[in-house]
Each structure stands twice: as C-alpha cells, then as structure tokens.
Amino acid sequence: MESNHKVWIGAIALIVGLAIGGGVGYATGMNMDSSNSSTTTSQNMATTTKEGVTVGGALMVRNKDIVDNAVQADNVTTLVSLVKMAGLVDTLKGQGTFTVFAPNNDAFAKLPAATVASLQKPENVDMLKKILTYHVVPGTYTSASLKAMAAKGETLTSVEGEVLTPVVEGDMVWIQDVSGGKSEVETADVISSNGVTHVVKSVLMPKS
C-alpha cells in the first residue's frame, strides 16, 4: 500500500508538463489592462504585460496552445517530456477549452526520483494518464471564477472524474484535492489559445 501511495504521488509530478496554459484573464487580483506596464504580485510570481505572462523565463502568449507555451518554460522541462510519454500532447493541443492546475518543478523536487522514473515505463501509461487528467478540468475557470466558487462552497470535476475544491485563504487561492491536501496557486490565469493554467506549488492527490 505504501509503495502504491508513493507511485501516485510521483505520478502527479507529470502534470507540470501541462503547465502554462491559459484562457481568459491574467494574474490573481489583476484585470486585463492593455497598458505596457509590468506587474508582479505575491500570487503571480511572474511578470505580466499586455503581451502575456512570463513564466519559467518565457513569455506565455494567447495565440499559442497549452503545449506550445509549456515547452518554452524552463520550470516545466522534465514533465513536458513525461506528458509526451503519456500521449496527451494532441489532447492538450486540441480546441479545448481546459483549465489546468500545474505544480511547478519545486513541488516535484521533494518526490522520490524512483517513483517518477517508474511512470516512464510503458506498462504504467494508464496510471500516468489518470493522474494527469486529475489535474485538468473541462472549461475555463479563471481566478475570479475560482474565488466565486470558493465563496459558495462549489467544486470542480476533473477530466479524471474526481473533484477539486477551490479554497480562498486571505488573498490566496488554493486547490484542495479529494484527500484534503491543498496546493497554493503561485501564478494564476496564464493565457494560451485553448484554456487557462494555474501554476501551483504542490502536487494534488487523487484517491488511490
């Protein structure tokens, strides 16, 4: 049971490959101002301008899809390749729209390397897909939408089928998984052509 638990945790690391999507909006607590000024907030650990949001050293822009934006960011490089192994690239390049909750690389540095390595094996592709799709929600949910849902106690249903719960603590948006684990949104409302991505600080755990 313990080994299975670790495999689930390691698998969640793969969702970072989905990172840096987008749909509507910019960083938490910000509007879509068309000025040339750049802004950084405590829940937007990236620079935001009218062109887009800079994440992982790269500009995420509206006219690129989730995958094409993700491959430019240096904070998701390892897991971009794992998403390719899962065979989800074409899905995430599709019309969508999608909302993606994507842990950053720092979240995965805590995980045993062996668990991530095990999920690169062909025989584990189904588990890989299951964990990845737990971090993807159909439709576009901006930070404003998540805050409104949190106020009403509403939940999201992932593509995988289990729920995720938006939570607001102070000015920060968190996403809670079915096991009660919470992940803080680091960079919200990163824009691409077929959805919205919220980069989060911790992995999310589905039921094993």
Protein backbone atom coordinates (compact mmCIF):
# COMPACT_ATOMS: atom_id res chain seq x y z
CA MET A 1 0.00 0.00 0.00
CA GLU A 2 2.80 2.39 0.89
CA SER A 3 4.59 1.76 -2.42
CA ASN A 4 1.37 2.40 -4.35
CA HIS A 5 0.90 5.63 -2.40
CA LYS A 6 4.34 6.80 -3.45
CA VAL A 7 3.68 5.92 -7.08
CA TRP A 8 0.53 8.04 -7.03
CA ILE A 9 2.46 10.98 -5.62
CA GLY A 10 5.24 10.64 -8.16
CA ALA A 11 2.76 10.40 -10.98
CA ILE A 12 1.21 13.70 -10.11
CA ALA A 13 4.53 15.30 -10.93
CA LEU A 14 3.77 14.69 -14.56
CA ILE A 15 1.09 17.33 -14.61
CA VAL A 16 3.70 20.04 -14.72
CA GLY A 17 4.04 19.14 -18.36
CA LEU A 18 0.58 20.55 -18.77
CA ALA A 19 1.62 23.82 -17.23
CA ILE A 20 1.34 27.23 -18.72
CA GLY A 21 -2.00 27.02 -20.41
CA GLY A 22 -4.44 29.86 -20.45
CA GLY A 23 -7.79 31.16 -21.50
CA VAL A 24 -9.17 34.34 -20.01
CA GLY A 25 -7.51 36.75 -17.65
CA TYR A 26 -4.15 37.40 -16.09
CA ALA A 27 -2.75 37.01 -12.61
CA THR A 28 -4.83 36.77 -9.46
CA GLY A 29 -6.25 40.09 -8.39
CA MET A 30 -5.38 41.80 -11.68
CA ASN A 31 -7.51 42.99 -14.57
CA MET A 32 -6.77 42.75 -18.28
CA ASP A 33 -5.19 46.19 -18.54
CA SER A 34 -3.79 46.84 -22.02
CA SER A 35 -1.04 49.14 -20.77
CA ASN A 36 2.63 48.39 -21.34
CA SER A 37 3.41 48.31 -17.62
CA SER A 38 4.52 45.08 -15.97
CA THR A 39 3.30 43.90 -12.59
CA THR A 40 4.32 41.25 -10.06
CA THR A 41 2.15 40.17 -7.11
CA SER A 42 2.50 37.63 -4.30
CA GLN A 43 0.31 35.19 -6.20
CA ASN A 44 1.81 35.98 -9.57
CA MET A 45 5.45 35.00 -9.39
CA ALA A 46 5.90 36.17 -12.96
CA THR A 47 5.87 39.39 -14.94
CA THR A 48 2.56 40.32 -16.58
CA THR A 49 2.31 42.67 -19.54
CA LYS A 50 -0.23 43.24 -22.30
CA GLU A 51 1.62 40.62 -24.37
CA GLY A 52 1.20 37.89 -21.78
CA VAL A 53 2.73 36.37 -18.66
CA THR A 54 6.38 35.43 -18.29
CA VAL A 55 6.73 32.05 -16.60
CA GLY A 56 9.89 29.98 -16.37
CA GLY A 57 11.81 32.64 -18.25
CA ALA A 58 9.49 32.58 -21.27
CA LEU A 59 6.55 34.68 -22.42
CA MET A 60 3.26 32.79 -22.46
CA VAL A 61 1.09 34.23 -25.22
CA ARG A 62 -2.55 33.95 -26.23
CA ASN A 63 -2.00 32.68 -29.76
CA LYS A 64 -0.13 29.54 -28.64
CA ASP A 65 -1.82 26.48 -27.21
CA ILE A 66 -1.08 24.94 -23.82
CA VAL A 67 1.66 22.63 -25.07
CA ASP A 68 3.40 25.18 -27.29
CA ASN A 69 3.58 27.60 -24.37
CA ALA A 70 4.73 24.90 -21.95
CA VAL A 71 7.73 23.81 -23.96
CA GLN A 72 9.17 27.33 -23.72
CA ALA A 73 9.18 27.48 -19.90
CA ASP A 74 12.28 26.27 -18.06
CA ASN A 75 10.37 25.38 -14.91
CA VAL A 76 8.45 22.54 -16.58
CA THR A 77 11.00 20.93 -18.88
CA THR A 78 11.21 17.48 -17.29
CA LEU A 79 7.50 16.96 -17.11
CA VAL A 80 6.80 18.27 -20.58
CA SER A 81 8.66 15.20 -21.82
CA LEU A 82 6.63 12.97 -19.49
CA VAL A 83 3.38 14.34 -20.86
CA LYS A 84 4.62 13.36 -24.30
CA MET A 85 5.22 9.86 -22.97
CA ALA A 86 1.62 9.78 -21.72
CA GLY A 87 0.34 10.53 -25.20
CA LEU A 88 -1.59 13.61 -24.09
CA VAL A 89 0.10 16.19 -26.30
CA ASP A 90 -2.53 16.05 -29.05
CA THR A 91 -5.33 16.34 -26.49
CA LEU A 92 -3.81 19.41 -24.90
CA LYS A 93 -3.21 20.97 -28.30
CA GLY A 94 -6.90 20.49 -29.10
CA GLN A 95 -9.58 23.14 -29.19
CA GLY A 96 -10.47 22.69 -25.53
CA THR A 97 -11.12 24.61 -23.52
CA PHE A 98 -9.23 23.35 -20.47
CA THR A 99 -8.34 24.55 -17.01
CA VAL A 100 -5.03 23.07 -15.83
CA PHE A 101 -3.67 23.08 -12.27
CA ALA A 102 0.04 22.54 -12.78
CA PRO A 103 2.58 22.01 -9.98
CA ASN A 104 5.90 23.71 -10.57
CA ASN A 105 9.26 21.95 -10.55
CA ASP A 106 9.93 22.85 -6.92
CA ALA A 107 6.93 20.76 -5.91
CA PHE A 108 8.47 17.72 -7.53
CA ALA A 109 11.97 18.10 -6.10
CA LYS A 110 10.54 16.66 -2.86
CA LEU A 111 9.36 13.47 -4.54
CA PRO A 112 11.37 10.22 -4.80
CA ALA A 113 13.02 10.10 -8.21
CA ALA A 114 12.29 6.38 -8.46
CA THR A 115 8.53 6.91 -8.44
CA VAL A 116 8.70 9.35 -11.34
CA ALA A 117 11.06 7.05 -13.23
CA SER A 118 8.70 4.11 -12.79
CA LEU A 119 5.92 6.00 -14.52
CA GLN A 120 8.01 6.45 -17.63
CA LYS A 121 7.64 2.73 -18.25
CA PRO A 122 5.15 1.72 -20.97
CA GLU A 123 3.27 -0.58 -18.59
CA ASN A 124 2.35 2.40 -16.39
CA VAL A 125 0.92 4.63 -19.10
CA ASP A 126 -2.68 4.18 -17.92
CA MET A 127 -1.81 5.35 -14.42
CA LEU A 128 0.14 8.22 -15.91
CA LYS A 129 -2.88 9.38 -17.89
CA LYS A 130 -5.18 9.00 -14.89
CA ILE A 131 -3.06 11.25 -12.71
CA LEU A 132 -2.54 13.84 -15.40
CA THR A 133 -6.22 14.13 -16.18
CA TYR A 134 -7.00 14.61 -12.48
CA HIS A 135 -5.28 17.98 -12.82
CA VAL A 136 -7.32 19.02 -15.86
CA VAL A 137 -10.86 20.42 -15.73
CA PRO A 138 -13.09 20.91 -18.79
CA GLY A 139 -13.93 24.56 -19.45
CA THR A 140 -12.28 27.83 -18.48
CA TYR A 141 -12.11 28.79 -14.80
CA THR A 142 -10.18 31.98 -14.10
CA SER A 143 -9.01 33.03 -10.65
CA ALA A 144 -12.11 35.21 -10.36
CA SER A 145 -14.28 32.18 -11.09
CA LEU A 146 -12.40 30.07 -8.55
CA LYS A 147 -12.84 32.72 -5.85
CA ALA A 148 -16.57 32.91 -6.55
CA MET A 149 -16.86 29.12 -6.38
CA ALA A 150 -14.90 29.02 -3.13
CA ALA A 151 -17.29 31.53 -1.58
CA LYS A 152 -20.22 29.27 -2.49
CA GLY A 153 -18.53 26.01 -1.48
CA GLU A 154 -18.65 24.69 -5.03
CA THR A 155 -16.32 22.10 -6.54
CA LEU A 156 -14.79 21.30 -9.92
CA THR A 157 -14.95 17.90 -11.62
CA SER A 158 -11.71 16.87 -13.28
CA VAL A 159 -11.39 15.04 -16.58
CA GLU A 160 -10.30 12.03 -14.49
CA GLY A 161 -13.67 12.16 -12.72
CA GLU A 162 -12.78 13.16 -9.16
CA VAL A 163 -13.39 16.57 -7.63
CA LEU A 164 -11.12 19.51 -6.83
CA THR A 165 -12.20 22.22 -4.42
CA PRO A 166 -11.20 25.90 -4.74
CA VAL A 167 -10.36 27.48 -1.38
CA VAL A 168 -9.51 31.10 -0.54
CA GLU A 169 -7.25 31.88 2.41
CA GLY A 170 -6.54 35.57 2.81
CA ASP A 171 -5.86 36.84 -0.70
CA MET A 172 -4.58 33.49 -1.91
CA VAL A 173 -6.39 30.87 -3.97
CA TRP A 174 -5.70 27.22 -3.13
CA ILE A 175 -6.87 24.00 -4.75
CA GLN A 176 -7.81 21.12 -2.45
CA ASP A 177 -7.76 17.51 -3.59
CA VAL A 178 -10.01 14.63 -2.54
CA SER A 179 -7.54 13.60 0.17
CA GLY A 180 -7.61 17.04 1.80
CA GLY A 181 -4.21 18.15 0.51
CA LYS A 182 -4.04 21.77 -0.60
CA SER A 183 -1.89 23.45 -3.22
CA GLU A 184 -1.44 27.22 -3.35
CA VAL A 185 -1.78 28.95 -6.69
CA GLU A 186 1.55 30.59 -7.47
CA THR A 187 0.77 32.04 -10.90
CA ALA A 188 -2.85 32.33 -11.95
CA ASP A 189 -4.61 32.86 -15.28
CA VAL A 190 -1.72 32.13 -17.63
CA ILE A 191 -3.13 32.58 -21.09
CA SER A 192 -2.97 30.41 -24.18
CA SER A 193 -5.35 29.74 -27.02
CA ASN A 194 -7.25 26.75 -25.65
CA GLY A 195 -7.62 27.18 -21.91
CA VAL A 196 -6.26 28.63 -18.69
CA THR A 197 -3.46 27.29 -16.50
CA HIS A 198 -2.87 27.99 -12.83
CA VAL A 199 0.65 27.07 -11.74
CA VAL A 200 0.50 25.62 -8.23
CA LYS A 201 3.11 24.96 -5.53
CA SER A 202 2.26 21.39 -4.53
CA VAL A 203 1.06 18.22 -6.16
CA LEU A 204 -2.58 17.13 -5.83
CA MET A 205 -3.54 13.62 -4.74
CA PRO A 206 -6.45 11.65 -6.22
CA LYS A 207 -7.82 8.60 -4.46
CA SER A 208 -5.58 5.56 -4.94
